[in-house]
Amino acid sequence: MWQKKYEGGEPQRVNKWLANEGVCSRREAEELIGQGLVTIDGEQVNDPGRKILPGQTLQLKQSADKRQISVVINKPVGFVSAHPESGQVPAARLLTQDNLVGATANMPPRNTRLAPLGRLDQDSRGLLLLSEDGVLARALVGEHSKLDKEYLVRVDGQITDEKLALLRHGLSLDNRKLKPAKITQMEPQRIRFILNEGRNRQIRRMCELVELDVTDLLRIRIGPLKLGELQEGRWRALTPSEREALITASK
C-alpha cells in the first residue's frame, strides 16, 4: 500500500499528483481508480477527475504482481545494455538466481521486458538500471531530468591542466556544445567525471578530443543511487525508497 498526505497549496487532480509523486503515470492512475484501489481519507475514489484537497490523505492499494520491476546491475565489460547485435550478450542475461543479491528479491518473469535507463556501452562497466517502469524512465532519461552521473575513468596519455579545463567546459560533439562537466584528476592516470547529460559514448569521445585514450570506464552513481558494494556481475532489486529518491532528485 502507498499512502501520503497531500500538502500542496491548491486542489490537484489525483492522477496528476500520483504522476508527479512518481507512483505511476496519469493513465495508470486512472486505471487504478477504475479498479477501486484509490481512497481519499478512507473514501473510495470513483471519478478519474477527482481532485485531492490540501490536508487530505490518499491511499493506493496495489498488489505485488502489479508493481513494475526495476533492477540494479553491476555490469561487467562485454555485455551490452540492450538490443544486442549478432554475437553480443545483453546485460539482462545476468539476471539469474545465482547472481541475485538479497533474499527478498524475486526473479523477473520470462516475458518481462526490461529497458536500460541510461547508456552503458559494451566496453564500460558499473552501475546499470533495467526497468519496465515508465515513470522512472522519464525521471532518468527524460529531456528535463536533472540527475547527474558519476564515472571513474582510467586513461592513457598525458593529463594536463589545459586538457582538464577543456573537458570541464569547452568541447563540442556532433556540432553541439556540451554542458559543463565536473572533472577531477584522482590519480596520475585516473579522472572522475560527473555529467549532466548522456550523449552516445560521450566520455570516450571527449577524451579523444584532448588526446586521451580511455582504458577503463566505471559508472559508480546515478543521482542519489550508488553502486556501493554490489559485486561485478551481480544484481538486486531497486528498493521503493531508492525509486522515490531518484524521481525526486530528477525534478
Protein backbone atom coordinates (compact mmCIF):
# COMPACT_ATOMS: atom_id res chain seq x y z
CA MET A 1 0.00 0.00 0.00
CA TRP A 2 1.18 3.55 -0.80
CA GLN A 3 -0.05 6.36 1.43
CA LYS A 4 0.71 10.08 1.60
CA LYS A 5 -0.79 13.31 2.84
CA TYR A 6 -1.29 15.99 0.19
CA GLU A 7 0.44 19.19 1.26
CA GLY A 8 0.01 21.28 -1.88
CA GLY A 9 -1.43 24.76 -1.71
CA GLU A 10 -4.24 24.18 -4.20
CA PRO A 11 -6.54 21.22 -5.07
CA GLN A 12 -4.97 18.94 -7.66
CA ARG A 13 -6.27 16.11 -9.81
CA VAL A 14 -5.47 12.76 -8.25
CA ASN A 15 -3.95 11.32 -11.43
CA LYS A 16 -1.65 14.33 -11.88
CA TRP A 17 -0.48 14.22 -8.26
CA LEU A 18 0.26 10.49 -8.39
CA ALA A 19 2.28 11.05 -11.58
CA ASN A 20 4.19 13.97 -10.02
CA GLU A 21 4.98 11.79 -7.00
CA GLY A 22 6.40 9.14 -9.33
CA VAL A 23 3.89 6.49 -8.26
CA CYS A 24 2.56 5.84 -11.76
CA SER A 25 1.63 7.61 -14.99
CA ARG A 26 -1.63 9.58 -15.26
CA ARG A 27 -3.16 6.87 -17.42
CA GLU A 28 -2.12 4.18 -14.94
CA ALA A 29 -3.64 6.27 -12.13
CA GLU A 30 -6.96 6.38 -13.96
CA GLU A 31 -6.85 2.59 -14.34
CA LEU A 32 -6.15 2.19 -10.62
CA ILE A 33 -9.10 4.47 -9.81
CA GLY A 34 -11.30 2.38 -12.10
CA GLN A 35 -10.22 -0.75 -10.21
CA GLY A 36 -11.30 0.82 -6.91
CA LEU A 37 -7.78 0.87 -5.50
CA VAL A 38 -7.62 4.57 -4.60
CA THR A 39 -9.14 6.15 -1.49
CA ILE A 40 -9.00 9.66 -0.01
CA ASP A 41 -9.44 9.86 3.76
CA GLY A 42 -10.91 6.37 3.63
CA GLU A 43 -13.46 7.16 0.87
CA GLN A 44 -13.08 5.27 -2.40
CA VAL A 45 -12.36 7.46 -5.42
CA ASN A 46 -14.52 6.60 -8.44
CA ASP A 47 -14.17 9.74 -10.58
CA PRO A 48 -10.95 9.92 -12.67
CA GLY A 49 -11.23 13.72 -12.49
CA ARG A 50 -11.39 13.82 -8.69
CA LYS A 51 -9.18 16.40 -7.01
CA ILE A 52 -7.40 15.93 -3.72
CA LEU A 53 -7.54 18.83 -1.26
CA PRO A 54 -4.74 20.17 0.95
CA GLY A 55 -4.50 18.10 4.11
CA GLN A 56 -6.25 15.02 2.71
CA THR A 57 -4.54 11.62 2.71
CA LEU A 58 -4.55 9.33 -0.30
CA GLN A 59 -4.14 5.57 -0.07
CA LEU A 60 -3.30 3.35 -3.02
CA LYS A 61 -3.81 -0.40 -2.65
CA GLN A 62 -1.71 -2.19 -5.22
CA SER A 63 -0.95 -5.90 -5.28
CA ALA A 64 2.66 -7.03 -5.64
CA ASP A 65 2.08 -8.53 -9.09
CA LYS A 66 1.12 -5.10 -10.40
CA ARG A 67 4.37 -3.46 -9.35
CA GLN A 68 6.74 -2.69 -12.17
CA ILE A 69 10.12 -4.36 -11.93
CA SER A 70 13.36 -2.38 -11.67
CA VAL A 71 16.77 -3.94 -11.07
CA VAL A 72 20.26 -2.65 -10.31
CA ILE A 73 23.19 -4.42 -12.01
CA ASN A 74 26.95 -4.06 -11.73
CA LYS A 75 27.56 -4.65 -15.42
CA PRO A 76 30.91 -6.15 -16.46
CA VAL A 77 32.72 -5.34 -19.68
CA GLY A 78 31.50 -7.47 -22.59
CA PHE A 79 27.75 -7.06 -22.03
CA VAL A 80 25.56 -4.57 -23.90
CA SER A 81 22.82 -2.60 -22.17
CA ALA A 82 20.11 -3.74 -24.61
CA HIS A 83 19.29 -4.56 -28.24
CA PRO A 84 22.27 -6.86 -28.84
CA GLU A 85 23.62 -7.30 -32.35
CA SER A 86 24.89 -10.62 -33.63
CA GLY A 87 27.31 -12.17 -31.16
CA GLN A 88 26.61 -9.64 -28.40
CA VAL A 89 25.29 -10.58 -24.95
CA PRO A 90 22.61 -8.40 -23.30
CA ALA A 91 23.05 -7.38 -19.66
CA ALA A 92 19.65 -8.96 -18.91
CA ARG A 93 21.40 -12.37 -19.17
CA LEU A 94 22.97 -11.57 -15.82
CA LEU A 95 19.57 -11.75 -14.11
CA THR A 96 19.95 -15.27 -12.78
CA GLN A 97 19.19 -16.68 -9.34
CA ASP A 98 22.90 -17.31 -8.75
CA ASN A 99 23.74 -13.64 -9.39
CA LEU A 100 20.93 -12.29 -7.23
CA VAL A 101 21.79 -10.33 -4.09
CA GLY A 102 19.06 -10.06 -1.45
CA ALA A 103 16.78 -12.86 -0.35
CA THR A 104 13.65 -10.69 -0.67
CA ALA A 105 14.01 -10.08 -4.40
CA ASN A 106 12.23 -12.21 -6.98
CA MET A 107 13.31 -13.31 -10.43
CA PRO A 108 11.64 -11.26 -13.20
CA PRO A 109 9.16 -13.34 -15.24
CA ARG A 110 10.48 -14.58 -18.56
CA ASN A 111 8.19 -12.28 -20.55
CA THR A 112 9.32 -9.14 -18.69
CA ARG A 113 10.83 -6.51 -20.99
CA LEU A 114 13.36 -4.50 -19.01
CA ALA A 115 14.78 -1.43 -20.74
CA PRO A 116 18.10 0.19 -19.81
CA LEU A 117 17.67 3.58 -18.14
CA GLY A 118 20.80 5.25 -19.46
CA ARG A 119 23.53 4.05 -21.80
CA LEU A 120 26.48 1.98 -20.65
CA ASP A 121 28.33 0.59 -23.66
CA GLN A 122 29.87 -2.83 -24.08
CA ASP A 123 33.38 -1.67 -23.16
CA SER A 124 32.21 0.09 -19.97
CA ARG A 125 31.23 -1.35 -16.61
CA GLY A 126 29.42 -0.45 -13.41
CA LEU A 127 26.00 0.80 -12.36
CA LEU A 128 23.17 -0.05 -14.76
CA LEU A 129 19.42 0.19 -14.16
CA LEU A 130 16.99 -2.03 -16.07
CA SER A 131 13.28 -1.35 -15.65
CA GLU A 132 9.78 -1.62 -17.07
CA ASP A 133 8.75 1.47 -15.06
CA GLY A 134 7.77 4.32 -17.40
CA VAL A 135 7.70 6.96 -14.65
CA LEU A 136 11.21 6.01 -13.54
CA ALA A 137 12.42 6.02 -17.15
CA ARG A 138 11.21 9.58 -17.64
CA ALA A 139 12.96 10.61 -14.43
CA LEU A 140 16.30 9.15 -15.52
CA VAL A 141 16.45 9.69 -19.27
CA GLY A 142 13.77 12.31 -19.95
CA GLU A 143 14.98 15.52 -21.58
CA HIS A 144 14.21 17.54 -18.43
CA SER A 145 15.92 15.17 -15.99
CA LYS A 146 18.34 16.86 -13.58
CA LEU A 147 20.09 13.67 -12.47
CA ASP A 148 23.87 13.66 -12.78
CA LYS A 149 26.01 10.57 -13.28
CA GLU A 150 29.46 9.86 -11.87
CA TYR A 151 32.24 7.84 -13.51
CA LEU A 152 35.79 6.81 -12.65
CA VAL A 153 37.83 6.74 -15.85
CA ARG A 154 41.37 5.44 -16.42
CA VAL A 155 43.20 6.87 -19.44
CA ASP A 156 46.42 6.59 -21.41
CA GLY A 157 48.11 9.83 -22.43
CA GLN A 158 49.42 12.95 -20.72
CA ILE A 159 46.89 14.69 -18.47
CA THR A 160 47.44 18.46 -18.32
CA ASP A 161 45.61 21.37 -16.70
CA GLU A 162 44.71 22.61 -20.18
CA LYS A 163 43.12 19.27 -21.10
CA LEU A 164 41.18 19.15 -17.82
CA ALA A 165 39.88 22.68 -18.44
CA LEU A 166 38.67 21.68 -21.91
CA LEU A 167 36.96 18.58 -20.52
CA ARG A 168 35.18 20.72 -17.93
CA HIS A 169 33.86 23.30 -20.35
CA GLY A 170 34.88 23.88 -23.93
CA LEU A 171 34.18 20.79 -26.02
CA SER A 172 31.51 20.06 -28.63
CA LEU A 173 30.22 16.78 -30.06
CA ASP A 174 28.21 16.49 -33.28
CA ASN A 175 28.35 20.29 -33.66
CA ARG A 176 26.63 20.81 -30.27
CA LYS A 177 28.37 22.30 -27.26
CA LEU A 178 28.49 20.00 -24.25
CA LYS A 179 27.09 21.03 -20.89
CA PRO A 180 29.69 21.90 -18.24
CA ALA A 181 31.12 18.81 -16.52
CA LYS A 182 32.79 18.33 -13.14
CA ILE A 183 36.24 16.87 -13.79
CA THR A 184 38.76 15.90 -11.12
CA GLN A 185 42.08 14.11 -11.53
CA MET A 186 42.11 11.36 -8.89
CA GLU A 187 45.42 9.59 -9.66
CA PRO A 188 48.17 10.02 -12.26
CA GLN A 189 46.02 8.31 -14.94
CA ARG A 190 42.55 8.35 -13.38
CA ILE A 191 39.86 11.03 -13.76
CA ARG A 192 36.47 11.46 -12.09
CA PHE A 193 33.71 12.64 -14.47
CA ILE A 194 30.33 13.98 -13.26
CA LEU A 195 28.00 14.65 -16.19
CA ASN A 196 24.50 16.09 -16.53
CA GLU A 197 23.91 14.61 -19.98
CA GLY A 198 24.33 11.27 -21.70
CA ARG A 199 25.45 11.64 -25.29
CA ASN A 200 26.49 8.49 -27.17
CA ARG A 201 29.91 7.29 -25.88
CA GLN A 202 30.34 10.81 -24.53
CA ILE A 203 33.27 10.34 -22.16
CA ARG A 204 35.31 8.31 -24.64
CA ARG A 205 34.73 10.89 -27.37
CA MET A 206 35.51 13.79 -25.01
CA CYS A 207 38.80 12.14 -24.12
CA GLU A 208 39.67 11.54 -27.77
CA LEU A 209 39.28 15.28 -28.43
CA VAL A 210 42.05 16.02 -25.90
CA GLU A 211 44.26 13.11 -27.00
CA LEU A 212 43.48 10.79 -24.11
CA ASP A 213 42.60 7.12 -24.62
CA VAL A 214 40.08 5.54 -22.21
CA THR A 215 41.26 2.16 -20.95
CA ASP A 216 38.63 1.65 -18.23
CA LEU A 217 35.29 3.34 -17.53
CA LEU A 218 33.30 2.59 -14.37
CA ARG A 219 29.95 4.22 -13.55
CA ILE A 220 29.53 4.46 -9.78
CA ARG A 221 26.48 6.71 -9.32
CA ILE A 222 23.21 7.85 -10.95
CA GLY A 223 21.80 10.78 -8.97
CA PRO A 224 21.35 9.55 -5.37
CA LEU A 225 21.74 5.87 -6.38
CA LYS A 226 25.24 4.49 -5.77
CA LEU A 227 26.85 1.28 -6.99
CA GLY A 228 28.10 0.67 -3.46
CA GLU A 229 29.36 -2.81 -2.60
CA LEU A 230 27.42 -4.65 -5.32
CA GLN A 231 29.93 -7.01 -6.88
CA GLU A 232 30.59 -7.12 -10.61
CA GLY A 233 28.10 -9.35 -12.43
CA ARG A 234 25.62 -9.33 -9.55
CA TRP A 235 22.17 -7.70 -9.37
CA ARG A 236 19.50 -6.72 -6.89
CA ALA A 237 16.03 -5.18 -6.84
CA LEU A 238 15.69 -1.39 -6.73
CA THR A 239 14.01 -0.50 -3.43
CA PRO A 240 10.88 1.70 -3.22
CA SER A 241 12.83 4.34 -1.28
CA GLU A 242 15.56 4.40 -3.95
CA ARG A 243 12.92 4.78 -6.67
CA GLU A 244 11.31 7.68 -4.84
CA ALA A 245 14.71 9.34 -4.27
CA LEU A 246 15.60 9.09 -7.97
CA ILE A 247 12.29 10.58 -9.08
CA THR A 248 12.51 13.40 -6.53
CA ALA A 249 16.11 14.25 -7.48
CA SER A 250 15.27 14.34 -11.19
CA LYS A 251 12.92 17.34 -10.84
